[in-house]
Each structure stands twice: as structure tokens, then as C-alpha cells.
């Protein structure tokens, strides 16, 4: 399962399924971005050629909470 990442737009701030991600050396992002939990989908692992970065645990926890909102799951 993946949560796509897109360019951050200020209007996303009110959407509980959009998680703002700041660029840093670990995640490999080059501009403020957003994880869009509303667009979660499954993708075959074979489609991934290389790792571009890794999100911090705090960002992954925020994405988990956003997924819980979208899927109506209590954490």
C-alpha cells in the first residue's frame, strides 16, 4: 500500500487526510510536499526501482493518523 506524495498547497492545511512533509536530507524531498492519504492504493513491489528517501517516524505516525481518518479506523 502506498500514500502518494504531491507538492504542498496551502489549501491542503484544512484537509485531515493531507500530511505536510518538509524536505530534509533523509526523506529526499526537494520542496514542501504532502502525503495524500485519501489517494491510498496498492502497488506491486516490482514497480519500485530504487529508494529515494525515508520518512521520519513522526511523519509516518501522522500519515497513519490521516489514514485512520480516511478509513474510519480508531487508533
PDB file of N, CA and C in Angstrom:
ATOM      1  N   UNK A   1       0.842  -1.169   0.000  1.00  0.00           N
ATOM      2  CA  UNK A   1       0.000   0.000   0.000  1.00  0.00           C
ATOM      3  C   UNK A   1       0.890   1.234   0.000  1.00  0.00           C
ATOM      4  N   UNK A   2       0.503   2.219  -0.783  1.00  0.00           N
ATOM      5  CA  UNK A   2       1.254   3.472  -0.830  1.00  0.00           C
ATOM      6  C   UNK A   2       0.322   4.656  -0.600  1.00  0.00           C
ATOM      7  N   UNK A   3       0.898   5.713  -0.100  1.00  0.00           N
ATOM      8  CA  UNK A   3       0.227   7.003   0.015  1.00  0.00           C
ATOM      9  C   UNK A   3       1.026   7.943  -0.873  1.00  0.00           C
ATOM     10  N   UNK A   4       0.426   8.429  -1.957  1.00  0.00           N
ATOM     11  CA  UNK A   4       1.195   9.278  -2.867  1.00  0.00           C
ATOM     12  C   UNK A   4       1.588  10.612  -2.232  1.00  0.00           C
ATOM     13  N   UNK A   5       2.688  11.149  -2.714  1.00  0.00           N
ATOM     14  CA  UNK A   5       3.193  12.437  -2.247  1.00  0.00           C
ATOM     15  C   UNK A   5       3.113  13.419  -3.399  1.00  0.00           C
ATOM     16  N   UNK A   6       2.602  14.602  -3.103  1.00  0.00           N
ATOM     17  CA  UNK A   6       2.425  15.648  -4.095  1.00  0.00           C
ATOM     18  C   UNK A   6       2.962  16.967  -3.556  1.00  0.00           C
ATOM     19  N   UNK A   7       3.045  17.960  -4.406  1.00  0.00           N
ATOM     20  CA  UNK A   7       3.505  19.290  -3.986  1.00  0.00           C
ATOM     21  C   UNK A   7       2.509  19.892  -2.997  1.00  0.00           C
ATOM     22  N   UNK A   8       3.016  20.522  -1.944  1.00  0.00           N
ATOM     23  CA  UNK A   8       2.170  21.149  -0.935  1.00  0.00           C
ATOM     24  C   UNK A   8       1.495  22.397  -1.482  1.00  0.00           C
ATOM     25  N   UNK A   9       0.222  22.546  -1.178  1.00  0.00           N
ATOM     26  CA  UNK A   9      -0.541  23.761  -1.479  1.00  0.00           C
ATOM     27  C   UNK A   9      -1.204  24.187  -0.170  1.00  0.00           C
ATOM     28  N   UNK A  10      -1.238  25.486   0.105  1.00  0.00           N
ATOM     29  CA  UNK A  10      -1.766  25.979   1.368  1.00  0.00           C
ATOM     30  C   UNK A  10      -3.202  25.519   1.626  1.00  0.00           C
ATOM     31  N   UNK A  11      -3.977  25.328   0.589  1.00  0.00           N
ATOM     32  CA  UNK A  11      -5.377  24.907   0.771  1.00  0.00           C
ATOM     33  C   UNK A  11      -5.481  23.505   1.380  1.00  0.00           C
ATOM     34  N   UNK A  12      -4.404  22.731   1.352  1.00  0.00           N
ATOM     35  CA  UNK A  12      -4.414  21.387   1.934  1.00  0.00           C
ATOM     36  C   UNK A  12      -4.436  21.411   3.460  1.00  0.00           C
ATOM     37  N   UNK A  13      -4.096  22.534   4.057  1.00  0.00           N
ATOM     38  CA  UNK A  13      -3.968  22.627   5.513  1.00  0.00           C
ATOM     39  C   UNK A  13      -5.261  22.268   6.235  1.00  0.00           C
ATOM     40  N   UNK A  14      -6.409  22.442   5.617  1.00  0.00           N
ATOM     41  CA  UNK A  14      -7.690  22.149   6.267  1.00  0.00           C
ATOM     42  C   UNK A  14      -8.128  20.698   6.071  1.00  0.00           C
ATOM     43  N   UNK A  15      -7.462  19.958   5.214  1.00  0.00           N
ATOM     44  CA  UNK A  15      -7.846  18.572   4.927  1.00  0.00           C
ATOM     45  C   UNK A  15      -7.122  17.624   5.885  1.00  0.00           C
ATOM     46  N   UNK A  16      -7.853  16.876   6.713  1.00  0.00           N
ATOM     47  CA  UNK A  16      -7.207  15.999   7.696  1.00  0.00           C
ATOM     48  C   UNK A  16      -6.468  14.811   7.073  1.00  0.00           C
ATOM     49  N   UNK A  17      -6.682  14.559   5.802  1.00  0.00           N
ATOM     50  CA  UNK A  17      -6.008  13.440   5.121  1.00  0.00           C
ATOM     51  C   UNK A  17      -4.724  13.867   4.412  1.00  0.00           C
ATOM     52  N   UNK A  18      -4.411  15.170   4.436  1.00  0.00           N
ATOM     53  CA  UNK A  18      -3.183  15.678   3.832  1.00  0.00           C
ATOM     54  C   UNK A  18      -2.165  15.948   4.936  1.00  0.00           C
ATOM     55  N   UNK A  19      -1.000  15.342   4.815  1.00  0.00           N
ATOM     56  CA  UNK A  19       0.055  15.490   5.822  1.00  0.00           C
ATOM     57  C   UNK A  19       1.210  16.257   5.194  1.00  0.00           C
ATOM     58  N   UNK A  20       1.502  17.418   5.761  1.00  0.00           N
ATOM     59  CA  UNK A  20       2.609  18.239   5.242  1.00  0.00           C
ATOM     60  C   UNK A  20       3.945  17.577   5.566  1.00  0.00           C
ATOM     61  N   UNK A  21       4.821  17.537   4.576  1.00  0.00           N
ATOM     62  CA  UNK A  21       6.152  16.965   4.714  1.00  0.00           C
ATOM     63  C   UNK A  21       7.184  18.012   4.314  1.00  0.00           C
ATOM     64  N   UNK A  22       8.085  18.305   5.224  1.00  0.00           N
ATOM     65  CA  UNK A  22       9.145  19.269   4.941  1.00  0.00           C
ATOM     66  C   UNK A  22      10.350  18.525   4.359  1.00  0.00           C
ATOM     67  N   UNK A  23      11.027  19.124   3.389  1.00  0.00           N
ATOM     68  CA  UNK A  23      12.202  18.455   2.814  1.00  0.00           C
ATOM     69  C   UNK A  23      13.360  18.398   3.800  1.00  0.00           C
ATOM     70  N   UNK A  24      14.076  17.283   3.765  1.00  0.00           N
ATOM     71  CA  UNK A  24      15.301  17.165   4.538  1.00  0.00           C
ATOM     72  C   UNK A  24      16.199  16.121   3.868  1.00  0.00           C
ATOM     73  N   UNK A  25      17.390  15.968   4.385  1.00  0.00           N
ATOM     74  CA  UNK A  25      18.366  15.064   3.764  1.00  0.00           C
ATOM     75  C   UNK A  25      17.910  13.612   3.798  1.00  0.00           C
ATOM     76  N   UNK A  26      17.157  13.232   4.825  1.00  0.00           N
ATOM     77  CA  UNK A  26      16.732  11.835   4.967  1.00  0.00           C
ATOM     78  C   UNK A  26      15.597  11.455   4.013  1.00  0.00           C
ATOM     79  N   UNK A  27      14.612  12.369   3.848  1.00  0.00           N
ATOM     80  CA  UNK A  27      13.449  11.993   3.027  1.00  0.00           C
ATOM     81  C   UNK A  27      13.647  12.234   1.536  1.00  0.00           C
ATOM     82  N   UNK A  28      14.656  12.981   1.160  1.00  0.00           N
ATOM     83  CA  UNK A  28      14.951  13.180  -0.254  1.00  0.00           C
ATOM     84  C   UNK A  28      14.023  14.139  -0.977  1.00  0.00           C
ATOM     85  N   UNK A  29      13.110  14.775  -0.255  1.00  0.00           N
ATOM     86  CA  UNK A  29      12.210  15.749  -0.893  1.00  0.00           C
ATOM     87  C   UNK A  29      12.965  17.039  -1.170  1.00  0.00           C
ATOM     88  N   UNK A  30      12.598  17.720  -2.255  1.00  0.00           N
ATOM     89  CA  UNK A  30      13.288  18.972  -2.580  1.00  0.00           C
ATOM     90  C   UNK A  30      12.415  20.201  -2.384  1.00  0.00           C
ATOM     91  N   UNK A  31      11.168  19.999  -1.946  1.00  0.00           N
ATOM     92  CA  UNK A  31      10.265  21.123  -1.676  1.00  0.00           C
ATOM     93  C   UNK A  31       9.193  20.645  -0.699  1.00  0.00           C
ATOM     94  N   UNK A  32       8.501  21.578  -0.017  1.00  0.00           N
ATOM     95  CA  UNK A  32       7.411  21.154   0.860  1.00  0.00           C
ATOM     96  C   UNK A  32       6.407  20.318   0.060  1.00  0.00           C
ATOM     97  N   UNK A  33       6.006  19.218   0.660  1.00  0.00           N
ATOM     98  CA  UNK A  33       5.152  18.261  -0.033  1.00  0.00           C
ATOM     99  C   UNK A  33       4.025  17.819   0.883  1.00  0.00           C
ATOM    100  N   UNK A  34       3.121  17.002   0.346  1.00  0.00           N
ATOM    101  CA  UNK A  34       2.009  16.484   1.125  1.00  0.00           C
ATOM    102  C   UNK A  34       1.794  15.019   0.799  1.00  0.00           C
ATOM    103  N   UNK A  35       1.612  14.222   1.847  1.00  0.00           N
ATOM    104  CA  UNK A  35       1.183  12.836   1.676  1.00  0.00           C
ATOM    105  C   UNK A  35      -0.337  12.866   1.637  1.00  0.00           C
ATOM    106  N   UNK A  36      -0.929  12.342   0.571  1.00  0.00           N
ATOM    107  CA  UNK A  36      -2.375  12.394   0.363  1.00  0.00           C
ATOM    108  C   UNK A  36      -2.996  11.043   0.711  1.00  0.00           C
ATOM    109  N   UNK A  37      -3.406  10.884   1.978  1.00  0.00           N
ATOM    110  CA  UNK A  37      -3.951   9.611   2.448  1.00  0.00           C
ATOM    111  C   UNK A  37      -5.288   9.265   1.792  1.00  0.00           C
ATOM    112  N   UNK A  38      -5.944  10.216   1.195  1.00  0.00           N
ATOM    113  CA  UNK A  38      -7.214   9.949   0.510  1.00  0.00           C
ATOM    114  C   UNK A  38      -6.988   9.163  -0.779  1.00  0.00           C
ATOM    115  N   UNK A  39      -5.764   9.186  -1.299  1.00  0.00           N
ATOM    116  CA  UNK A  39      -5.437   8.518  -2.568  1.00  0.00           C
ATOM    117  C   UNK A  39      -4.659   7.217  -2.363  1.00  0.00           C
ATOM    118  N   UNK A  40      -4.790   6.611  -1.180  1.00  0.00           N
ATOM    119  CA  UNK A  40      -4.068   5.375  -0.889  1.00  0.00           C
ATOM    120  C   UNK A  40      -4.421   4.306  -1.928  1.00  0.00           C
ATOM    121  N   UNK A  41      -3.428   3.513  -2.301  1.00  0.00           N
ATOM    122  CA  UNK A  41      -3.649   2.453  -3.291  1.00  0.00           C
ATOM    123  C   UNK A  41      -2.590   1.376  -3.139  1.00  0.00           C
ATOM    124  N   UNK A  42      -2.855   0.243  -3.757  1.00  0.00           N
ATOM    125  CA  UNK A  42      -1.864  -0.833  -3.733  1.00  0.00           C
ATOM    126  C   UNK A  42      -1.043  -0.785  -5.011  1.00  0.00           C
ATOM    127  N   UNK A  43       0.232  -1.103  -4.864  1.00  0.00           N
ATOM    128  CA  UNK A  43       1.168  -1.091  -5.989  1.00  0.00           C
ATOM    129  C   UNK A  43       2.084  -2.307  -5.828  1.00  0.00           C
ATOM    130  N   UNK A  44       2.338  -2.995  -6.906  1.00  0.00           N
ATOM    131  CA  UNK A  44       3.249  -4.138  -6.864  1.00  0.00           C
ATOM    132  C   UNK A  44       4.652  -3.682  -6.494  1.00  0.00           C
ATOM    133  N   UNK A  45       5.309  -4.430  -5.627  1.00  0.00           N
ATOM    134  CA  UNK A  45       6.656  -4.072  -5.192  1.00  0.00           C
ATOM    135  C   UNK A  45       7.636  -4.027  -6.360  1.00  0.00           C
ATOM    136  N   UNK A  46       7.406  -4.792  -7.389  1.00  0.00           N
ATOM    137  CA  UNK A  46       8.292  -4.813  -8.549  1.00  0.00           C
ATOM    138  C   UNK A  46       8.364  -3.462  -9.265  1.00  0.00           C
ATOM    139  N   UNK A  47       7.374  -2.610  -9.036  1.00  0.00           N
ATOM    140  CA  UNK A  47       7.358  -1.305  -9.694  1.00  0.00           C
ATOM    141  C   UNK A  47       8.345  -0.323  -9.074  1.00  0.00           C
ATOM    142  N   UNK A  48       8.864  -0.642  -7.902  1.00  0.00           N
ATOM    143  CA  UNK A  48       9.807   0.246  -7.232  1.00  0.00           C
ATOM    144  C   UNK A  48      11.223  -0.100  -7.656  1.00  0.00           C
ATOM    145  N   UNK A  49      11.884   0.825  -8.336  1.00  0.00           N
ATOM    146  CA  UNK A  49      13.233   0.583  -8.846  1.00  0.00           C
ATOM    147  C   UNK A  49      14.298   0.910  -7.804  1.00  0.00           C
ATOM    148  N   UNK A  50      14.113   2.019  -7.065  1.00  0.00           N
ATOM    149  CA  UNK A  50      15.094   2.421  -6.064  1.00  0.00           C
ATOM    150  C   UNK A  50      14.437   3.278  -4.998  1.00  0.00           C
ATOM    151  N   UNK A  51      15.039   3.280  -3.806  1.00  0.00           N
ATOM    152  CA  UNK A  51      14.544   4.117  -2.717  1.00  0.00           C
ATOM    153  C   UNK A  51      15.111   5.519  -2.894  1.00  0.00           C
ATOM    154  N   UNK A  52      14.243   6.507  -2.841  1.00  0.00           N
ATOM    155  CA  UNK A  52      14.675   7.892  -2.995  1.00  0.00           C
ATOM    156  C   UNK A  52      14.886   8.581  -1.658  1.00  0.00           C
ATOM    157  N   UNK A  53      14.273   8.053  -0.614  1.00  0.00           N
ATOM    158  CA  UNK A  53      14.394   8.647   0.703  1.00  0.00           C
ATOM    159  C   UNK A  53      13.591   7.849   1.700  1.00  0.00           C
ATOM    160  N   UNK A  54      13.614   8.315   2.946  1.00  0.00           N
ATOM    161  CA  UNK A  54      12.886   7.638   4.015  1.00  0.00           C
ATOM    162  C   UNK A  54      12.269   8.690   4.909  1.00  0.00           C
ATOM    163  N   UNK A  55      10.974   8.530   5.214  1.00  0.00           N
ATOM    164  CA  UNK A  55      10.295   9.469   6.092  1.00  0.00           C
ATOM    165  C   UNK A  55      10.624   9.161   7.547  1.00  0.00           C
ATOM    166  N   UNK A  56      10.677  10.204   8.345  1.00  0.00           N
ATOM    167  CA  UNK A  56      10.904  10.066   9.779  1.00  0.00           C
ATOM    168  C   UNK A  56       9.707   9.367  10.419  1.00  0.00           C
ATOM    169  N   UNK A  57       9.933   8.750  11.567  1.00  0.00           N
ATOM    170  CA  UNK A  57       8.862   8.058  12.284  1.00  0.00           C
ATOM    171  C   UNK A  57       7.700   8.984  12.600  1.00  0.00           C
ATOM    172  N   UNK A  58       7.987  10.248  12.948  1.00  0.00           N
ATOM    173  CA  UNK A  58       6.906  11.183  13.272  1.00  0.00           C
ATOM    174  C   UNK A  58       6.016  11.432  12.056  1.00  0.00           C
ATOM    175  N   UNK A  59       6.611  11.560  10.884  1.00  0.00           N
ATOM    176  CA  UNK A  59       5.825  11.748   9.657  1.00  0.00           C
ATOM    177  C   UNK A  59       4.984  10.507   9.366  1.00  0.00           C
ATOM    178  N   UNK A  60       5.556   9.338   9.565  1.00  0.00           N
ATOM    179  CA  UNK A  60       4.812   8.093   9.340  1.00  0.00           C
ATOM    180  C   UNK A  60       3.642   7.979  10.316  1.00  0.00           C
ATOM    181  N   UNK A  61       3.814   8.430  11.544  1.00  0.00           N
ATOM    182  CA  UNK A  61       2.726   8.410  12.524  1.00  0.00           C
ATOM    183  C   UNK A  61       1.609   9.363  12.098  1.00  0.00           C
ATOM    184  N   UNK A  62       1.967  10.530  11.583  1.00  0.00           N
ATOM    185  CA  UNK A  62       0.963  11.478  11.096  1.00  0.00           C
ATOM    186  C   UNK A  62       0.200  10.890   9.910  1.00  0.00           C
ATOM    187  N   UNK A  63       0.898  10.209   9.030  1.00  0.00           N
ATOM    188  CA  UNK A  63       0.251   9.573   7.877  1.00  0.00           C
ATOM    189  C   UNK A  63      -0.670   8.451   8.354  1.00  0.00           C
ATOM    190  N   UNK A  64      -0.244   7.706   9.359  1.00  0.00           N
ATOM    191  CA  UNK A  64      -1.094   6.659   9.925  1.00  0.00           C
ATOM    192  C   UNK A  64      -2.391   7.244  10.472  1.00  0.00           C
ATOM    193  N   UNK A  65      -2.289   8.380  11.165  1.00  0.00           N
ATOM    194  CA  UNK A  65      -3.490   9.040  11.691  1.00  0.00           C
ATOM    195  C   UNK A  65      -4.389   9.525  10.556  1.00  0.00           C
ATOM    196  N   UNK A  66      -3.791  10.050   9.499  1.00  0.00           N
ATOM    197  CA  UNK A  66      -4.579  10.514   8.349  1.00  0.00           C
ATOM    198  C   UNK A  66      -5.290   9.340   7.677  1.00  0.00           C
ATOM    199  N   UNK A  67      -4.605   8.210   7.553  1.00  0.00           N
ATOM    200  CA  UNK A  67      -5.249   7.014   7.007  1.00  0.00           C
ATOM    201  C   UNK A  67      -6.401   6.551   7.882  1.00  0.00           C
ATOM    202  N   UNK A  68      -6.242   6.629   9.181  1.00  0.00           N
ATOM    203  CA  UNK A  68      -7.308   6.239  10.107  1.00  0.00           C
ATOM    204  C   UNK A  68      -8.547   7.115   9.902  1.00  0.00           C
ATOM    205  N   UNK A  69      -8.335   8.405   9.641  1.00  0.00           N
ATOM    206  CA  UNK A  69      -9.466   9.304   9.362  1.00  0.00           C
ATOM    207  C   UNK A  69     -10.169   8.879   8.078  1.00  0.00           C
ATOM    208  N   UNK A  70      -9.406   8.651   7.034  1.00  0.00           N
ATOM    209  CA  UNK A  70      -9.977   8.285   5.733  1.00  0.00           C
ATOM    210  C   UNK A  70     -10.715   6.947   5.803  1.00  0.00           C
ATOM    211  N   UNK A  71     -10.156   5.987   6.527  1.00  0.00           N
ATOM    212  CA  UNK A  71     -10.724   4.641   6.579  1.00  0.00           C
ATOM    213  C   UNK A  71     -11.666   4.436   7.756  1.00  0.00           C
ATOM    214  N   UNK A  72     -11.903   5.491   8.548  1.00  0.00           N
ATOM    215  CA  UNK A  72     -12.781   5.433   9.719  1.00  0.00           C
ATOM    216  C   UNK A  72     -12.349   4.333  10.686  1.00  0.00           C
ATOM    217  N   UNK A  73     -11.063   4.334  11.006  1.00  0.00           N
ATOM    218  CA  UNK A  73     -10.485   3.360  11.922  1.00  0.00           C
ATOM    219  C   UNK A  73     -10.045   4.111  13.183  1.00  0.00           C
ATOM    220  N   UNK A  74     -10.372   3.544  14.353  1.00  0.00           N
ATOM    221  CA  UNK A  74      -9.898   4.138  15.602  1.00  0.00           C
ATOM    222  C   UNK A  74      -8.516   3.588  15.918  1.00  0.00           C
ATOM    223  N   UNK A  75      -7.616   4.472  16.306  1.00  0.00           N
ATOM    224  CA  UNK A  75      -6.266   4.039  16.686  1.00  0.00           C
ATOM    225  C   UNK A  75      -6.163   3.843  18.180  1.00  0.00           C
TER     226      UNK A  75
END
